Amino acid sequence: MHFAAMPNEHAQKGTVRGVVTEALPDTLFRVAVEGDEALLCYLSGKMRINRIRVLIGDRVELETSSYGGKGRIIKRL
């Protein structure tokens, strides 16, 4: 059985840029987003597989959902 993705699934996610302010255990990071408070973020699967290092002070692009909560770091700039 094949399940197709819902058409609005990608429309709900938005990408924003921020700066990593704190590195936490289990590849969690606190990221300061422009015009907002700090957001708790985790690394995307591609960044884990390719072992891309993220350090404090790095500018990153992250994906947020419309539901709030955690963000996902998808690119290091």
Protein backbone atom coordinates (compact mmCIF):
# COMPACT_ATOMS: atom_id res chain seq x y z
CA MET A 1 0.00 0.00 0.00
CA HIS A 2 1.39 3.41 -0.96
CA PHE A 3 0.56 6.59 0.96
CA ALA A 4 0.98 9.85 -0.92
CA ALA A 5 2.03 13.00 0.90
CA MET A 6 -0.71 15.48 1.65
CA PRO A 7 -0.59 18.49 -0.71
CA ASN A 8 -0.50 21.03 2.14
CA GLU A 9 2.25 19.25 4.07
CA HIS A 10 5.08 21.34 2.61
CA ALA A 11 3.02 24.54 2.63
CA GLN A 12 2.77 24.38 6.43
CA LYS A 13 6.53 24.49 6.92
CA GLY A 14 8.48 27.73 6.71
CA THR A 15 12.21 28.31 6.58
CA VAL A 16 13.89 31.00 8.65
CA ARG A 17 17.49 31.93 9.42
CA GLY A 18 19.10 32.28 12.80
CA VAL A 19 22.31 32.07 14.83
CA VAL A 20 23.21 29.17 17.13
CA THR A 21 23.57 30.48 20.68
CA GLU A 22 23.87 27.29 22.71
CA ALA A 23 24.78 23.65 22.08
CA LEU A 24 22.82 21.14 24.18
CA PRO A 25 23.15 17.35 24.59
CA ASP A 26 21.71 14.92 21.99
CA THR A 27 22.39 17.26 19.02
CA LEU A 28 19.93 19.88 20.24
CA PHE A 29 20.69 23.57 19.75
CA ARG A 30 19.19 26.84 20.90
CA VAL A 31 18.92 29.17 17.91
CA ALA A 32 18.19 32.91 18.05
CA VAL A 33 15.79 33.72 15.20
CA GLU A 34 15.43 37.22 13.77
CA GLY A 35 12.52 39.05 15.39
CA ASP A 36 11.69 36.18 17.75
CA GLU A 37 12.99 34.54 20.89
CA ALA A 38 15.32 31.54 20.96
CA LEU A 39 14.01 28.32 19.43
CA LEU A 40 14.99 24.76 20.37
CA CYS A 41 16.25 22.95 17.23
CA TYR A 42 17.60 19.57 16.21
CA LEU A 43 19.74 18.47 13.25
CA SER A 44 18.10 17.09 10.12
CA GLY A 45 18.89 13.54 9.03
CA LYS A 46 21.05 14.61 6.06
CA MET A 47 23.23 16.73 8.35
CA ARG A 48 23.68 13.79 10.74
CA ILE A 49 24.51 11.33 7.95
CA ASN A 50 27.06 13.68 6.36
CA ARG A 51 28.45 14.62 9.79
CA ILE A 52 28.13 18.36 9.29
CA ARG A 53 29.31 20.11 12.43
CA VAL A 54 27.33 22.98 13.91
CA LEU A 55 29.07 25.25 16.40
CA ILE A 56 28.04 28.19 18.55
CA GLY A 57 27.92 31.34 16.42
CA ASP A 58 27.13 29.54 13.16
CA ARG A 59 24.39 31.00 10.95
CA VAL A 60 21.88 28.30 10.09
CA GLU A 61 18.70 27.88 8.06
CA LEU A 62 15.97 26.02 9.88
CA GLU A 63 12.55 24.70 9.11
CA THR A 64 9.64 25.39 11.43
CA SER A 65 6.15 23.96 11.38
CA SER A 66 2.98 25.94 11.82
CA TYR A 67 2.34 24.06 15.08
CA GLY A 68 5.35 25.56 16.85
CA GLY A 69 7.59 23.50 19.10
CA LYS A 70 11.02 22.47 17.85
CA GLY A 71 12.73 23.55 14.66
CA ARG A 72 14.89 21.43 12.34
CA ILE A 73 18.28 22.71 11.17
CA ILE A 74 18.51 21.97 7.45
CA LYS A 75 21.54 24.00 6.35
CA ARG A 76 24.63 25.68 7.78
CA LEU A 77 25.36 29.00 6.06
